[in-house]
N, C-alpha and C. Protein backbone atom coordinates (compact mmCIF):
# COMPACT_ATOMS: atom_id res chain seq x y z
N LEU A 1 -2.17 -2.68 7.40
CA LEU A 1 -1.70 -2.17 8.69
C LEU A 1 -2.72 -2.41 9.79
N GLU A 2 -3.99 -2.23 9.44
CA GLU A 2 -5.05 -2.48 10.42
C GLU A 2 -5.10 -3.96 10.78
N ALA A 3 -4.96 -4.82 9.77
CA ALA A 3 -4.96 -6.27 10.04
C ALA A 3 -3.79 -6.65 10.95
N GLU A 4 -2.64 -6.02 10.74
CA GLU A 4 -1.48 -6.28 11.61
C GLU A 4 -1.79 -5.87 13.04
N ARG A 5 -2.38 -4.68 13.21
CA ARG A 5 -2.71 -4.20 14.56
C ARG A 5 -3.70 -5.13 15.25
N GLN A 6 -4.70 -5.56 14.52
CA GLN A 6 -5.73 -6.41 15.11
C GLN A 6 -5.22 -7.82 15.43
N SER A 7 -4.30 -8.31 14.65
CA SER A 7 -3.85 -9.69 14.83
C SER A 7 -2.80 -9.85 15.91
N GLY A 8 -2.03 -8.80 16.14
CA GLY A 8 -0.91 -8.93 17.06
C GLY A 8 0.29 -9.59 16.42
N ALA A 9 0.19 -9.95 15.14
CA ALA A 9 1.31 -10.55 14.42
C ALA A 9 2.30 -9.47 14.00
N MET A 10 3.44 -9.90 13.53
CA MET A 10 4.46 -8.97 13.07
C MET A 10 4.49 -8.99 11.55
N LEU A 11 4.39 -7.81 10.95
CA LEU A 11 4.46 -7.68 9.50
C LEU A 11 5.86 -7.24 9.10
N GLY A 12 6.46 -7.95 8.16
CA GLY A 12 7.77 -7.58 7.65
C GLY A 12 7.71 -7.49 6.14
N VAL A 13 8.38 -6.47 5.59
CA VAL A 13 8.43 -6.27 4.15
C VAL A 13 9.85 -6.57 3.69
N CYS A 14 9.97 -7.26 2.58
CA CYS A 14 11.29 -7.72 2.10
C CYS A 14 11.96 -6.64 1.26
N MET A 15 12.68 -5.76 1.92
CA MET A 15 13.55 -4.78 1.26
C MET A 15 14.99 -5.21 1.55
N GLN A 16 15.36 -6.32 0.93
CA GLN A 16 16.59 -7.01 1.27
C GLN A 16 17.86 -6.24 0.95
N ASN A 17 17.81 -5.30 0.02
CA ASN A 17 19.03 -4.59 -0.34
C ASN A 17 19.54 -3.70 0.80
N ARG A 18 18.69 -3.39 1.75
CA ARG A 18 19.14 -2.63 2.92
C ARG A 18 20.15 -3.44 3.75
N TYR A 19 20.18 -4.75 3.57
CA TYR A 19 21.07 -5.61 4.34
C TYR A 19 22.38 -5.90 3.60
N ASN A 20 22.52 -5.46 2.36
CA ASN A 20 23.78 -5.66 1.65
C ASN A 20 24.88 -4.84 2.32
N ALA A 21 26.05 -5.41 2.46
CA ALA A 21 27.14 -4.75 3.19
C ALA A 21 27.50 -3.39 2.59
N SER A 22 27.49 -3.27 1.27
CA SER A 22 27.83 -1.99 0.64
C SER A 22 26.82 -0.91 1.02
N ASN A 23 25.55 -1.25 1.03
CA ASN A 23 24.52 -0.27 1.36
C ASN A 23 24.54 0.09 2.85
N LEU A 24 24.82 -0.88 3.71
CA LEU A 24 24.95 -0.60 5.14
C LEU A 24 26.12 0.35 5.39
N PHE A 25 27.22 0.15 4.65
CA PHE A 25 28.39 1.03 4.77
C PHE A 25 28.00 2.47 4.40
N VAL A 26 27.30 2.63 3.28
CA VAL A 26 26.91 3.97 2.82
C VAL A 26 25.97 4.63 3.83
N LYS A 27 25.00 3.88 4.32
CA LYS A 27 24.04 4.43 5.30
C LYS A 27 24.78 4.94 6.54
N GLU A 28 25.71 4.12 7.04
CA GLU A 28 26.48 4.52 8.23
C GLU A 28 27.43 5.67 7.92
N HIS A 29 28.09 5.61 6.76
CA HIS A 29 29.06 6.63 6.36
C HIS A 29 28.40 8.02 6.26
N LEU A 30 27.15 8.05 5.83
CA LEU A 30 26.46 9.33 5.62
C LEU A 30 25.67 9.80 6.85
N GLU A 31 25.66 9.01 7.90
CA GLU A 31 24.90 9.38 9.10
C GLU A 31 25.34 10.76 9.60
N GLY A 32 24.38 11.67 9.72
CA GLY A 32 24.67 13.01 10.23
C GLY A 32 25.23 13.97 9.20
N LYS A 33 25.46 13.52 7.97
CA LYS A 33 26.00 14.39 6.92
C LYS A 33 24.86 14.93 6.06
N ARG A 34 25.09 16.10 5.49
CA ARG A 34 24.12 16.68 4.57
C ARG A 34 24.33 16.10 3.17
N ILE A 35 23.30 15.52 2.61
CA ILE A 35 23.36 15.00 1.25
C ILE A 35 22.84 16.12 0.33
N ASP A 36 23.72 16.66 -0.48
CA ASP A 36 23.35 17.78 -1.34
C ASP A 36 22.51 17.34 -2.53
N ASN A 37 22.79 16.15 -3.02
CA ASN A 37 22.02 15.60 -4.13
C ASN A 37 22.35 14.12 -4.24
N ALA A 38 21.41 13.37 -4.75
CA ALA A 38 21.62 11.94 -4.95
C ALA A 38 20.86 11.51 -6.20
N SER A 39 21.29 10.41 -6.78
CA SER A 39 20.57 9.89 -7.94
C SER A 39 20.62 8.37 -7.93
N GLY A 40 19.61 7.80 -8.52
CA GLY A 40 19.53 6.35 -8.70
C GLY A 40 19.14 6.06 -10.13
N ILE A 41 19.77 5.04 -10.71
CA ILE A 41 19.51 4.67 -12.10
C ILE A 41 19.29 3.17 -12.19
N VAL A 42 18.17 2.79 -12.79
CA VAL A 42 17.90 1.38 -13.11
C VAL A 42 17.56 1.34 -14.59
N PHE A 43 18.49 0.85 -15.40
CA PHE A 43 18.27 0.69 -16.84
C PHE A 43 18.36 -0.80 -17.15
N TRP A 44 17.20 -1.43 -17.26
CA TRP A 44 17.13 -2.86 -17.50
C TRP A 44 16.38 -3.16 -18.79
N HIS A 45 16.35 -4.43 -19.14
CA HIS A 45 15.68 -4.87 -20.36
C HIS A 45 14.57 -5.86 -20.02
N ARG A 46 13.37 -5.54 -20.44
CA ARG A 46 12.24 -6.47 -20.39
C ARG A 46 11.54 -6.34 -21.74
N ASP A 47 11.22 -7.47 -22.34
CA ASP A 47 10.62 -7.44 -23.67
C ASP A 47 9.22 -8.04 -23.65
N ALA A 48 8.62 -8.12 -24.82
CA ALA A 48 7.26 -8.64 -24.93
C ALA A 48 7.18 -10.07 -24.41
N ALA A 49 8.21 -10.88 -24.66
CA ALA A 49 8.20 -12.27 -24.20
C ALA A 49 8.17 -12.34 -22.67
N TYR A 50 8.88 -11.44 -22.01
CA TYR A 50 8.87 -11.39 -20.55
C TYR A 50 7.44 -11.14 -20.04
N TYR A 51 6.77 -10.18 -20.63
CA TYR A 51 5.41 -9.86 -20.18
C TYR A 51 4.40 -10.93 -20.56
N ALA A 52 4.67 -11.65 -21.63
CA ALA A 52 3.77 -12.75 -22.03
C ALA A 52 3.97 -13.98 -21.15
N SER A 53 5.05 -14.02 -20.36
CA SER A 53 5.35 -15.20 -19.56
C SER A 53 4.47 -15.35 -18.32
N GLY A 54 3.70 -14.33 -17.99
CA GLY A 54 2.79 -14.41 -16.84
C GLY A 54 1.56 -13.57 -17.09
N GLU A 55 0.41 -14.14 -16.87
CA GLU A 55 -0.86 -13.45 -17.14
C GLU A 55 -0.98 -12.16 -16.33
N TRP A 56 -0.37 -12.11 -15.16
CA TRP A 56 -0.48 -10.95 -14.27
C TRP A 56 0.42 -9.80 -14.69
N ARG A 57 1.44 -10.07 -15.49
CA ARG A 57 2.45 -9.05 -15.81
C ARG A 57 1.89 -7.94 -16.70
N GLY A 58 2.31 -6.72 -16.42
CA GLY A 58 2.02 -5.60 -17.30
C GLY A 58 0.63 -5.03 -17.22
N LYS A 59 -0.14 -5.42 -16.19
CA LYS A 59 -1.51 -4.94 -16.05
C LYS A 59 -1.65 -4.18 -14.74
N TRP A 60 -2.38 -3.07 -14.79
CA TRP A 60 -2.59 -2.28 -13.58
C TRP A 60 -3.29 -3.10 -12.50
N GLU A 61 -4.29 -3.85 -12.88
CA GLU A 61 -5.11 -4.58 -11.90
C GLU A 61 -4.33 -5.68 -11.19
N THR A 62 -3.44 -6.35 -11.89
CA THR A 62 -2.77 -7.51 -11.30
C THR A 62 -1.30 -7.27 -10.94
N GLU A 63 -0.64 -6.30 -11.57
CA GLU A 63 0.75 -6.00 -11.21
C GLU A 63 0.83 -4.74 -10.37
N GLY A 64 -0.11 -3.84 -10.56
CA GLY A 64 -0.15 -2.62 -9.76
C GLY A 64 0.75 -1.52 -10.27
N GLY A 65 1.49 -1.78 -11.31
CA GLY A 65 2.42 -0.81 -11.88
C GLY A 65 3.43 -1.54 -12.72
N GLY A 66 4.36 -0.81 -13.26
CA GLY A 66 5.35 -1.40 -14.15
C GLY A 66 6.75 -1.36 -13.57
N VAL A 67 7.63 -0.62 -14.24
CA VAL A 67 9.04 -0.60 -13.87
C VAL A 67 9.25 -0.15 -12.42
N LEU A 68 8.43 0.78 -11.93
CA LEU A 68 8.62 1.26 -10.56
C LEU A 68 8.31 0.20 -9.51
N ILE A 69 7.25 -0.57 -9.72
CA ILE A 69 6.83 -1.53 -8.70
C ILE A 69 7.53 -2.87 -8.86
N ASN A 70 7.95 -3.20 -10.09
CA ASN A 70 8.48 -4.53 -10.32
C ASN A 70 10.00 -4.56 -10.44
N GLN A 71 10.59 -3.71 -11.26
CA GLN A 71 12.03 -3.77 -11.45
C GLN A 71 12.81 -2.82 -10.54
N ALA A 72 12.30 -1.61 -10.30
CA ALA A 72 13.12 -0.58 -9.68
C ALA A 72 12.78 -0.28 -8.22
N LEU A 73 11.84 -1.00 -7.66
CA LEU A 73 11.37 -0.70 -6.31
C LEU A 73 12.48 -0.71 -5.26
N HIS A 74 13.36 -1.68 -5.33
CA HIS A 74 14.40 -1.81 -4.29
C HIS A 74 15.42 -0.69 -4.36
N THR A 75 15.71 -0.22 -5.56
CA THR A 75 16.67 0.89 -5.70
C THR A 75 16.02 2.18 -5.19
N LEU A 76 14.76 2.40 -5.53
CA LEU A 76 14.05 3.56 -5.02
C LEU A 76 13.97 3.50 -3.48
N ASP A 77 13.73 2.32 -2.94
CA ASP A 77 13.71 2.15 -1.49
C ASP A 77 15.04 2.55 -0.86
N LEU A 78 16.16 2.18 -1.48
CA LEU A 78 17.47 2.55 -0.94
C LEU A 78 17.64 4.07 -0.89
N LEU A 79 17.21 4.76 -1.95
CA LEU A 79 17.32 6.22 -1.96
C LEU A 79 16.49 6.84 -0.83
N ILE A 80 15.28 6.35 -0.64
CA ILE A 80 14.43 6.89 0.42
C ILE A 80 15.00 6.54 1.79
N TRP A 81 15.54 5.32 1.93
CA TRP A 81 16.15 4.89 3.19
C TRP A 81 17.35 5.76 3.55
N ILE A 82 18.17 6.10 2.56
CA ILE A 82 19.38 6.89 2.80
C ILE A 82 19.07 8.38 2.88
N CYS A 83 18.22 8.88 1.98
CA CYS A 83 17.97 10.32 1.88
C CYS A 83 16.77 10.80 2.68
N GLY A 84 15.89 9.89 3.04
CA GLY A 84 14.68 10.27 3.77
C GLY A 84 13.50 10.44 2.84
N GLU A 85 12.33 10.44 3.45
CA GLU A 85 11.08 10.58 2.71
C GLU A 85 11.03 11.96 2.03
N PRO A 86 10.72 12.02 0.75
CA PRO A 86 10.63 13.33 0.08
C PRO A 86 9.49 14.16 0.65
N SER A 87 9.67 15.48 0.65
CA SER A 87 8.60 16.38 1.07
C SER A 87 7.74 16.78 -0.12
N ALA A 88 8.29 16.68 -1.32
CA ALA A 88 7.55 16.98 -2.55
C ALA A 88 8.21 16.21 -3.69
N MET A 89 7.41 15.96 -4.72
CA MET A 89 7.93 15.17 -5.83
C MET A 89 7.29 15.63 -7.13
N THR A 90 8.10 15.67 -8.17
CA THR A 90 7.61 15.84 -9.53
C THR A 90 8.00 14.57 -10.27
N ALA A 91 7.05 13.99 -10.96
CA ALA A 91 7.33 12.69 -11.58
C ALA A 91 6.61 12.56 -12.91
N ALA A 92 7.14 11.70 -13.74
CA ALA A 92 6.49 11.38 -15.01
C ALA A 92 6.71 9.90 -15.29
N ILE A 93 5.65 9.26 -15.78
CA ILE A 93 5.78 7.89 -16.23
C ILE A 93 5.31 7.83 -17.68
N SER A 94 5.85 6.86 -18.41
CA SER A 94 5.42 6.69 -19.79
C SER A 94 5.66 5.25 -20.21
N THR A 95 5.05 4.89 -21.29
CA THR A 95 5.28 3.59 -21.90
C THR A 95 5.88 3.86 -23.27
N LEU A 96 7.20 3.77 -23.33
CA LEU A 96 7.92 4.22 -24.52
C LEU A 96 8.03 3.16 -25.61
N THR A 97 8.26 1.90 -25.21
CA THR A 97 8.51 0.88 -26.24
C THR A 97 7.60 -0.34 -26.13
N LEU A 98 6.91 -0.51 -25.03
CA LEU A 98 6.14 -1.73 -24.82
C LEU A 98 4.63 -1.51 -24.85
N GLY A 99 4.20 -0.37 -25.40
CA GLY A 99 2.79 -0.01 -25.40
C GLY A 99 1.87 -1.02 -26.06
N ASP A 100 2.37 -1.79 -26.99
CA ASP A 100 1.54 -2.82 -27.63
C ASP A 100 1.40 -4.06 -26.77
N HIS A 101 2.15 -4.13 -25.66
CA HIS A 101 2.19 -5.35 -24.84
C HIS A 101 1.76 -5.15 -23.40
N ILE A 102 1.85 -3.92 -22.89
CA ILE A 102 1.54 -3.68 -21.48
C ILE A 102 0.69 -2.44 -21.30
N GLU A 103 -0.03 -2.39 -20.17
CA GLU A 103 -0.81 -1.22 -19.78
C GLU A 103 0.02 -0.27 -18.93
N VAL A 104 0.96 -0.82 -18.17
CA VAL A 104 1.70 -0.08 -17.15
C VAL A 104 2.88 0.66 -17.77
N GLU A 105 3.58 1.44 -16.94
CA GLU A 105 4.73 2.21 -17.42
C GLU A 105 5.95 1.32 -17.63
N ASP A 106 6.75 1.65 -18.64
CA ASP A 106 8.05 1.00 -18.80
C ASP A 106 9.20 1.95 -18.47
N THR A 107 8.86 3.24 -18.20
CA THR A 107 9.86 4.26 -17.91
C THR A 107 9.29 5.23 -16.89
N ALA A 108 10.13 5.64 -15.93
CA ALA A 108 9.70 6.59 -14.92
C ALA A 108 10.87 7.46 -14.49
N THR A 109 10.57 8.72 -14.21
CA THR A 109 11.55 9.65 -13.67
C THR A 109 10.90 10.41 -12.52
N LEU A 110 11.63 10.52 -11.41
CA LEU A 110 11.14 11.21 -10.22
C LEU A 110 12.18 12.23 -9.77
N ILE A 111 11.74 13.44 -9.50
CA ILE A 111 12.59 14.47 -8.90
C ILE A 111 12.03 14.72 -7.51
N CYS A 112 12.80 14.37 -6.48
CA CYS A 112 12.30 14.39 -5.11
C CYS A 112 12.98 15.49 -4.31
N GLU A 113 12.17 16.35 -3.73
CA GLU A 113 12.66 17.44 -2.89
C GLU A 113 12.56 17.02 -1.43
N GLY A 114 13.39 17.65 -0.62
CA GLY A 114 13.38 17.37 0.80
C GLY A 114 14.70 17.78 1.41
N GLU A 115 14.91 17.34 2.64
CA GLU A 115 16.16 17.67 3.33
C GLU A 115 17.37 17.18 2.53
N HIS A 116 17.23 16.01 1.93
CA HIS A 116 18.28 15.42 1.09
C HIS A 116 17.65 15.08 -0.26
N PRO A 117 17.70 16.00 -1.24
CA PRO A 117 16.99 15.79 -2.51
C PRO A 117 17.64 14.69 -3.35
N PHE A 118 16.81 14.06 -4.17
CA PHE A 118 17.35 13.06 -5.09
C PHE A 118 16.50 12.98 -6.36
N ILE A 119 17.12 12.41 -7.38
CA ILE A 119 16.45 12.15 -8.65
C ILE A 119 16.57 10.67 -8.94
N PHE A 120 15.55 10.12 -9.53
CA PHE A 120 15.53 8.68 -9.79
C PHE A 120 15.01 8.45 -11.20
N SER A 121 15.68 7.58 -11.93
CA SER A 121 15.25 7.27 -13.29
C SER A 121 15.32 5.76 -13.50
N ALA A 122 14.24 5.23 -14.07
CA ALA A 122 14.18 3.78 -14.28
C ALA A 122 13.48 3.49 -15.61
N THR A 123 14.01 2.50 -16.30
CA THR A 123 13.36 2.03 -17.52
C THR A 123 13.65 0.55 -17.69
N ASN A 124 12.76 -0.15 -18.33
CA ASN A 124 13.07 -1.53 -18.73
C ASN A 124 13.11 -1.62 -20.25
N CYS A 125 13.46 -0.48 -20.88
CA CYS A 125 13.57 -0.39 -22.34
C CYS A 125 15.01 -0.48 -22.83
N ALA A 126 15.96 -0.68 -21.95
CA ALA A 126 17.37 -0.76 -22.36
C ALA A 126 17.59 -2.00 -23.23
N ALA A 127 18.60 -1.94 -24.07
CA ALA A 127 18.92 -3.08 -24.93
C ALA A 127 19.36 -4.29 -24.12
N ARG A 128 20.04 -4.05 -22.99
CA ARG A 128 20.45 -5.10 -22.06
C ARG A 128 20.41 -4.53 -20.66
N ASP A 129 20.39 -5.41 -19.65
CA ASP A 129 20.43 -4.95 -18.26
C ASP A 129 21.77 -4.27 -17.98
N CYS A 130 21.72 -3.09 -17.40
CA CYS A 130 22.92 -2.38 -16.95
C CYS A 130 22.98 -2.49 -15.43
N PRO A 131 24.17 -2.35 -14.85
CA PRO A 131 24.26 -2.38 -13.38
C PRO A 131 23.48 -1.21 -12.77
N VAL A 132 22.83 -1.47 -11.66
CA VAL A 132 22.14 -0.42 -10.91
C VAL A 132 23.19 0.51 -10.32
N GLU A 133 22.89 1.81 -10.33
CA GLU A 133 23.84 2.79 -9.79
C GLU A 133 23.15 3.73 -8.82
N LEU A 134 23.84 4.03 -7.74
CA LEU A 134 23.46 5.11 -6.83
C LEU A 134 24.65 6.06 -6.75
N THR A 135 24.39 7.35 -6.83
CA THR A 135 25.42 8.36 -6.67
C THR A 135 24.93 9.37 -5.66
N LEU A 136 25.77 9.68 -4.69
CA LEU A 136 25.39 10.63 -3.64
C LEU A 136 26.49 11.68 -3.48
N LEU A 137 26.11 12.94 -3.46
CA LEU A 137 27.04 14.03 -3.21
C LEU A 137 26.75 14.57 -1.82
N ALA A 138 27.76 14.48 -0.94
CA ALA A 138 27.54 14.85 0.45
C ALA A 138 28.78 15.50 1.03
N GLU A 139 28.67 16.76 1.35
CA GLU A 139 29.74 17.49 2.05
C GLU A 139 31.10 17.27 1.40
N GLY A 140 31.19 17.48 0.12
CA GLY A 140 32.46 17.38 -0.60
C GLY A 140 32.82 15.98 -1.04
N GLU A 141 32.02 15.00 -0.73
CA GLU A 141 32.29 13.63 -1.14
C GLU A 141 31.36 13.22 -2.28
N CYS A 142 31.91 12.47 -3.21
CA CYS A 142 31.11 11.84 -4.25
C CYS A 142 31.15 10.34 -3.98
N ILE A 143 29.99 9.78 -3.70
CA ILE A 143 29.89 8.37 -3.34
C ILE A 143 29.11 7.65 -4.43
N LYS A 144 29.72 6.63 -5.00
CA LYS A 144 29.07 5.84 -6.04
C LYS A 144 28.95 4.41 -5.53
N VAL A 145 27.73 3.89 -5.59
CA VAL A 145 27.44 2.56 -5.07
C VAL A 145 27.13 1.64 -6.24
N LEU A 146 27.92 0.57 -6.36
CA LEU A 146 27.74 -0.42 -7.42
C LEU A 146 27.78 -1.81 -6.79
N SER A 147 26.65 -2.37 -6.48
CA SER A 147 26.53 -3.72 -5.95
C SER A 147 27.46 -3.94 -4.75
N ARG A 148 28.61 -4.61 -4.95
CA ARG A 148 29.51 -4.91 -3.83
C ARG A 148 30.62 -3.88 -3.67
N ASP A 149 30.61 -2.85 -4.49
CA ASP A 149 31.66 -1.84 -4.44
C ASP A 149 31.08 -0.47 -4.14
N VAL A 150 31.84 0.30 -3.36
CA VAL A 150 31.49 1.69 -3.09
C VAL A 150 32.74 2.51 -3.36
N LEU A 151 32.59 3.56 -4.16
CA LEU A 151 33.67 4.50 -4.40
C LEU A 151 33.38 5.77 -3.62
N VAL A 152 34.31 6.19 -2.77
CA VAL A 152 34.20 7.45 -2.04
C VAL A 152 35.32 8.32 -2.52
N ASN A 153 34.98 9.34 -3.31
CA ASN A 153 35.97 10.20 -3.96
C ASN A 153 37.04 9.38 -4.67
N GLY A 154 36.59 8.34 -5.35
CA GLY A 154 37.50 7.50 -6.14
C GLY A 154 38.17 6.39 -5.37
N GLN A 155 38.07 6.38 -4.05
CA GLN A 155 38.69 5.33 -3.25
C GLN A 155 37.73 4.14 -3.17
N LEU A 156 38.22 2.97 -3.57
CA LEU A 156 37.39 1.76 -3.65
C LEU A 156 37.25 1.09 -2.28
N HIS A 157 36.01 0.77 -1.95
CA HIS A 157 35.69 -0.06 -0.78
C HIS A 157 34.94 -1.27 -1.34
N HIS A 158 35.52 -2.45 -1.19
CA HIS A 158 34.91 -3.67 -1.73
C HIS A 158 34.33 -4.49 -0.58
N PHE A 159 33.13 -5.03 -0.80
CA PHE A 159 32.44 -5.77 0.25
C PHE A 159 32.06 -7.15 -0.26
N GLU A 160 32.45 -8.15 0.50
CA GLU A 160 31.98 -9.52 0.26
C GLU A 160 31.00 -9.84 1.35
N ASP A 161 29.74 -9.94 1.00
CA ASP A 161 28.72 -10.24 2.00
C ASP A 161 28.94 -11.63 2.57
N SER A 162 28.67 -11.78 3.86
CA SER A 162 28.82 -13.08 4.50
C SER A 162 27.65 -14.00 4.16
N TYR A 163 26.60 -13.43 3.58
CA TYR A 163 25.43 -14.24 3.22
C TYR A 163 25.49 -14.60 1.75
N LYS A 164 24.98 -15.76 1.41
CA LYS A 164 25.04 -16.19 0.02
C LYS A 164 24.01 -15.45 -0.82
N GLN A 165 24.37 -15.28 -2.08
CA GLN A 165 23.46 -14.63 -3.02
C GLN A 165 22.44 -15.65 -3.51
N LEU A 166 21.19 -15.24 -3.51
CA LEU A 166 20.12 -16.10 -3.99
C LEU A 166 19.53 -15.48 -5.25
N GLY A 167 19.51 -16.23 -6.35
CA GLY A 167 18.93 -15.72 -7.58
C GLY A 167 19.87 -14.79 -8.32
N LYS A 168 19.30 -13.85 -9.05
CA LYS A 168 20.07 -12.94 -9.90
C LYS A 168 20.98 -12.05 -9.06
N ALA A 169 22.08 -11.61 -9.68
CA ALA A 169 23.03 -10.73 -8.99
C ALA A 169 22.36 -9.45 -8.51
N CYS A 170 21.38 -8.95 -9.29
CA CYS A 170 20.72 -7.69 -8.91
C CYS A 170 19.91 -7.84 -7.63
N TYR A 171 19.61 -9.08 -7.21
CA TYR A 171 18.87 -9.28 -5.97
C TYR A 171 19.74 -9.00 -4.75
N GLY A 172 21.06 -9.00 -4.95
CA GLY A 172 21.96 -8.83 -3.82
C GLY A 172 21.99 -10.07 -2.96
N SER A 173 22.58 -9.94 -1.77
CA SER A 173 22.70 -11.09 -0.88
C SER A 173 21.97 -10.86 0.43
N GLY A 174 21.07 -9.90 0.45
CA GLY A 174 20.42 -9.52 1.69
C GLY A 174 19.25 -10.35 2.14
N HIS A 175 18.74 -11.24 1.28
CA HIS A 175 17.55 -12.03 1.67
C HIS A 175 17.78 -12.82 2.95
N GLU A 176 18.88 -13.55 2.99
CA GLU A 176 19.15 -14.41 4.16
C GLU A 176 19.30 -13.57 5.42
N ALA A 177 20.00 -12.43 5.31
CA ALA A 177 20.19 -11.56 6.47
C ALA A 177 18.87 -10.98 6.94
N LEU A 178 18.03 -10.55 6.00
CA LEU A 178 16.72 -9.99 6.36
C LEU A 178 15.85 -11.03 7.03
N ILE A 179 15.78 -12.22 6.46
CA ILE A 179 14.93 -13.27 7.02
C ILE A 179 15.43 -13.68 8.42
N THR A 180 16.74 -13.78 8.57
CA THR A 180 17.33 -14.10 9.87
C THR A 180 16.95 -13.04 10.90
N ASP A 181 17.05 -11.76 10.51
CA ASP A 181 16.71 -10.66 11.40
C ASP A 181 15.22 -10.71 11.76
N PHE A 182 14.37 -10.97 10.76
CA PHE A 182 12.93 -11.02 11.01
C PHE A 182 12.59 -12.10 12.04
N TYR A 183 13.15 -13.30 11.85
CA TYR A 183 12.86 -14.38 12.81
C TYR A 183 13.43 -14.07 14.19
N ASP A 184 14.57 -13.40 14.24
CA ASP A 184 15.13 -13.02 15.53
C ASP A 184 14.22 -12.01 16.23
N CYS A 185 13.62 -11.10 15.45
CA CYS A 185 12.67 -10.15 16.03
C CYS A 185 11.48 -10.87 16.63
N ILE A 186 10.98 -11.87 15.93
CA ILE A 186 9.83 -12.63 16.44
C ILE A 186 10.22 -13.36 17.72
N GLU A 187 11.36 -14.05 17.69
CA GLU A 187 11.78 -14.87 18.84
C GLU A 187 12.10 -14.03 20.07
N ASN A 188 12.64 -12.82 19.85
CA ASN A 188 13.10 -12.01 20.97
C ASN A 188 12.23 -10.78 21.24
N GLY A 189 11.08 -10.71 20.57
CA GLY A 189 10.15 -9.62 20.84
C GLY A 189 10.64 -8.25 20.41
N ARG A 190 11.59 -8.20 19.48
CA ARG A 190 12.06 -6.92 18.95
C ARG A 190 11.15 -6.47 17.81
N HIS A 191 11.09 -5.17 17.58
CA HIS A 191 10.32 -4.64 16.45
C HIS A 191 11.15 -4.77 15.19
N PHE A 192 10.56 -5.29 14.13
CA PHE A 192 11.24 -5.40 12.84
C PHE A 192 11.18 -4.05 12.15
N ALA A 193 12.34 -3.51 11.78
CA ALA A 193 12.44 -2.13 11.28
C ALA A 193 11.66 -1.90 9.98
N ILE A 194 11.62 -2.90 9.11
CA ILE A 194 10.96 -2.70 7.81
C ILE A 194 9.53 -3.26 7.91
N ASP A 195 8.72 -2.55 8.68
CA ASP A 195 7.33 -2.96 8.85
C ASP A 195 6.47 -2.32 7.77
N GLY A 196 5.17 -2.50 7.86
CA GLY A 196 4.28 -1.95 6.85
C GLY A 196 4.32 -0.43 6.78
N ALA A 197 4.40 0.22 7.92
CA ALA A 197 4.44 1.68 7.94
C ALA A 197 5.71 2.19 7.26
N GLU A 198 6.83 1.51 7.51
CA GLU A 198 8.11 1.90 6.88
C GLU A 198 8.00 1.79 5.39
């Protein structure tokens, strides 16, 4: 942040899932509503071969963390973006199945208090990758977010993003939209919303 201030350059962080149409719909739909509770689930599969594929993987010094920083970061970001920064948190991390292969956590659970409380659970110990899920309870509505689909009290809202998907389906299609927005901010002197402080 200090380097950004001193340079006069613009720092942007790639939280591309904020640009997915389904997530933008949920953010707008919940604007001004009280979120009574929310949850996020990331149950994916990473094995010893995955961690052996890169010298940096699975080490505190070079990866900085495990499932929270590498696999589940974007889903946790969505919860904080929608629900707000927690005022308090109780959390636990553990290495349940990959302890012989990694230093970092393979499982994490967070209970976040605040104006809009949420719980988050992530593991890369699942037998196979499961779809990421967000569930939000707000003023009598149950909202479930699944990639391109949002269910509001059982009513389906389907979204086809205008931007192409790059890489795995779990990456979403927000990269192109985010990068386009970032360059537009530079060209037109606008502040990029997902800066270092954000």
